[in-house]
């Protein structure tokens, strides 16, 4: 395994743990479930909605 592949794997893992890939997962889900022509939130709208939902219904998290 080359160093670049290791770094890429670590980056993928950390993004998943930190939730940074949530918007990409949302887009993939919307395309799969609702079809390619579905109206989706912009990235800014997605993160605003996500933080609003977390603030109104907090789940277990560190901070």
N, C-alpha and C. Protein backbone atom coordinates (compact mmCIF):
# COMPACT_ATOMS: atom_id res chain seq x y z
N UNK A 1 0.85 -1.18 0.00
CA UNK A 1 0.00 0.00 0.00
C UNK A 1 0.90 1.24 0.00
N UNK A 2 0.60 2.15 -0.87
CA UNK A 2 1.40 3.36 -0.97
C UNK A 2 0.97 4.39 0.06
N UNK A 3 1.87 5.31 0.36
CA UNK A 3 1.59 6.32 1.38
C UNK A 3 0.37 7.16 1.01
N UNK A 4 0.22 7.49 -0.26
CA UNK A 4 -0.93 8.29 -0.69
C UNK A 4 -2.24 7.56 -0.43
N UNK A 5 -2.26 6.24 -0.63
CA UNK A 5 -3.47 5.46 -0.37
C UNK A 5 -3.79 5.43 1.12
N UNK A 6 -2.76 5.34 1.94
CA UNK A 6 -2.96 5.34 3.39
C UNK A 6 -3.53 6.68 3.83
N UNK A 7 -2.96 7.76 3.34
CA UNK A 7 -3.45 9.10 3.70
C UNK A 7 -4.89 9.28 3.22
N UNK A 8 -5.20 8.83 2.03
CA UNK A 8 -6.56 8.92 1.50
C UNK A 8 -7.54 8.14 2.38
N UNK A 9 -7.12 6.96 2.82
CA UNK A 9 -7.97 6.15 3.68
C UNK A 9 -8.19 6.80 5.04
N UNK A 10 -7.16 7.37 5.60
CA UNK A 10 -7.28 8.06 6.88
C UNK A 10 -8.21 9.26 6.75
N UNK A 11 -8.05 10.01 5.67
CA UNK A 11 -8.91 11.18 5.43
C UNK A 11 -10.37 10.76 5.31
N UNK A 12 -10.62 9.68 4.56
CA UNK A 12 -11.99 9.17 4.39
C UNK A 12 -12.58 8.79 5.75
N UNK A 13 -11.79 8.10 6.57
CA UNK A 13 -12.25 7.65 7.88
C UNK A 13 -12.57 8.84 8.79
N UNK A 14 -11.67 9.80 8.86
CA UNK A 14 -11.86 10.95 9.74
C UNK A 14 -13.07 11.77 9.30
N UNK A 15 -13.24 11.97 8.00
CA UNK A 15 -14.42 12.70 7.51
C UNK A 15 -15.70 11.98 7.91
N UNK A 16 -15.71 10.66 7.85
CA UNK A 16 -16.89 9.90 8.25
C UNK A 16 -17.18 10.01 9.73
N UNK A 17 -16.14 9.92 10.54
CA UNK A 17 -16.31 10.00 11.99
C UNK A 17 -16.79 11.40 12.40
N UNK A 18 -16.25 12.42 11.76
CA UNK A 18 -16.60 13.79 12.11
C UNK A 18 -17.91 14.26 11.47
N UNK A 19 -18.43 13.49 10.54
CA UNK A 19 -19.69 13.86 9.89
C UNK A 19 -19.53 14.82 8.73
N UNK A 20 -18.30 15.03 8.29
CA UNK A 20 -18.07 15.97 7.20
C UNK A 20 -18.61 15.46 5.86
N UNK A 21 -18.87 14.18 5.75
CA UNK A 21 -19.37 13.62 4.50
C UNK A 21 -20.89 13.53 4.48
N UNK A 22 -21.55 14.16 5.43
CA UNK A 22 -23.01 14.04 5.55
C UNK A 22 -23.73 14.62 4.33
N UNK A 23 -23.25 15.73 3.78
CA UNK A 23 -23.92 16.32 2.63
C UNK A 23 -23.80 15.42 1.41
N UNK A 24 -22.63 14.82 1.21
CA UNK A 24 -22.46 13.90 0.08
C UNK A 24 -23.38 12.69 0.24
N UNK A 25 -23.52 12.19 1.46
CA UNK A 25 -24.43 11.07 1.71
C UNK A 25 -25.88 11.48 1.46
N UNK A 26 -26.22 12.70 1.85
CA UNK A 26 -27.57 13.22 1.61
C UNK A 26 -27.87 13.27 0.11
N UNK A 27 -26.93 13.79 -0.67
CA UNK A 27 -27.13 13.87 -2.12
C UNK A 27 -27.28 12.48 -2.74
N UNK A 28 -26.46 11.54 -2.31
CA UNK A 28 -26.55 10.18 -2.83
C UNK A 28 -27.90 9.55 -2.47
N UNK A 29 -28.33 9.76 -1.24
CA UNK A 29 -29.63 9.24 -0.79
C UNK A 29 -30.77 9.85 -1.60
N UNK A 30 -30.74 11.17 -1.78
CA UNK A 30 -31.80 11.84 -2.53
C UNK A 30 -31.86 11.34 -3.96
N UNK A 31 -30.71 11.14 -4.59
CA UNK A 31 -30.68 10.65 -5.97
C UNK A 31 -31.22 9.22 -6.05
N UNK A 32 -30.88 8.40 -5.07
CA UNK A 32 -31.32 7.00 -5.08
C UNK A 32 -32.81 6.87 -4.79
N UNK A 33 -33.28 7.55 -3.78
CA UNK A 33 -34.66 7.40 -3.33
C UNK A 33 -35.64 8.24 -4.16
N UNK A 34 -35.24 9.48 -4.45
CA UNK A 34 -36.16 10.42 -5.10
C UNK A 34 -35.88 10.62 -6.59
N UNK A 35 -34.79 10.08 -7.09
CA UNK A 35 -34.45 10.23 -8.50
C UNK A 35 -33.53 11.40 -8.75
N UNK A 36 -32.93 11.39 -9.92
CA UNK A 36 -31.94 12.42 -10.27
C UNK A 36 -32.53 13.82 -10.34
N UNK A 37 -33.79 13.96 -10.72
CA UNK A 37 -34.39 15.27 -10.88
C UNK A 37 -34.97 15.87 -9.61
N UNK A 38 -34.77 15.22 -8.49
CA UNK A 38 -35.35 15.67 -7.23
C UNK A 38 -34.74 17.00 -6.79
N UNK A 39 -35.56 17.82 -6.18
CA UNK A 39 -35.08 19.08 -5.63
C UNK A 39 -34.38 18.78 -4.31
N UNK A 40 -33.16 19.25 -4.19
CA UNK A 40 -32.39 19.01 -2.97
C UNK A 40 -31.97 20.34 -2.37
N UNK A 41 -31.66 20.31 -1.09
CA UNK A 41 -31.18 21.51 -0.41
C UNK A 41 -29.77 21.84 -0.90
N UNK A 42 -29.45 23.12 -0.87
CA UNK A 42 -28.07 23.50 -1.13
C UNK A 42 -27.23 23.03 0.06
N UNK A 43 -25.93 23.06 -0.09
CA UNK A 43 -25.09 22.62 1.03
C UNK A 43 -25.30 23.50 2.25
N UNK A 44 -25.43 24.79 2.02
CA UNK A 44 -25.66 25.72 3.13
C UNK A 44 -26.98 25.41 3.83
N UNK A 45 -28.04 25.19 3.05
CA UNK A 45 -29.35 24.86 3.62
C UNK A 45 -29.29 23.54 4.39
N UNK A 46 -28.56 22.57 3.85
CA UNK A 46 -28.43 21.27 4.50
C UNK A 46 -27.80 21.41 5.88
N UNK A 47 -26.67 22.12 5.96
CA UNK A 47 -25.99 22.25 7.25
C UNK A 47 -26.82 23.07 8.24
N UNK A 48 -27.52 24.10 7.74
CA UNK A 48 -28.39 24.89 8.63
C UNK A 48 -29.50 24.01 9.18
N UNK A 49 -30.14 23.22 8.33
CA UNK A 49 -31.20 22.31 8.75
C UNK A 49 -30.67 21.28 9.74
N UNK A 50 -29.52 20.76 9.47
CA UNK A 50 -28.94 19.74 10.35
C UNK A 50 -28.65 20.30 11.74
N UNK A 51 -28.05 21.48 11.80
CA UNK A 51 -27.75 22.06 13.11
C UNK A 51 -29.03 22.47 13.83
N UNK A 52 -30.03 22.97 13.09
CA UNK A 52 -31.31 23.31 13.72
C UNK A 52 -31.96 22.07 14.33
N UNK A 53 -31.95 20.95 13.60
CA UNK A 53 -32.53 19.71 14.12
C UNK A 53 -31.76 19.22 15.34
N UNK A 54 -30.45 19.35 15.33
CA UNK A 54 -29.66 18.91 16.48
C UNK A 54 -29.92 19.79 17.69
N UNK A 55 -30.15 21.08 17.46
CA UNK A 55 -30.42 21.99 18.57
C UNK A 55 -31.79 21.75 19.19
N UNK A 56 -32.78 21.42 18.36
CA UNK A 56 -34.13 21.21 18.89
C UNK A 56 -34.32 19.83 19.49
N UNK A 57 -33.57 18.85 19.02
CA UNK A 57 -33.68 17.48 19.55
C UNK A 57 -32.28 16.90 19.74
N UNK A 58 -31.57 17.37 20.77
CA UNK A 58 -30.19 16.92 20.95
C UNK A 58 -30.11 15.42 21.24
N UNK A 59 -29.12 14.81 20.63
CA UNK A 59 -28.82 13.40 20.86
C UNK A 59 -27.47 13.34 21.57
N UNK A 60 -27.05 12.15 21.90
CA UNK A 60 -25.77 12.01 22.56
C UNK A 60 -24.63 12.52 21.70
N UNK A 61 -23.95 13.52 22.18
CA UNK A 61 -22.78 14.05 21.49
C UNK A 61 -21.86 14.70 22.52
N UNK A 62 -20.66 14.94 22.15
CA UNK A 62 -19.67 15.37 23.13
C UNK A 62 -19.84 16.83 23.54
N UNK A 63 -20.34 17.69 22.65
CA UNK A 63 -20.36 19.13 22.95
C UNK A 63 -21.72 19.74 22.78
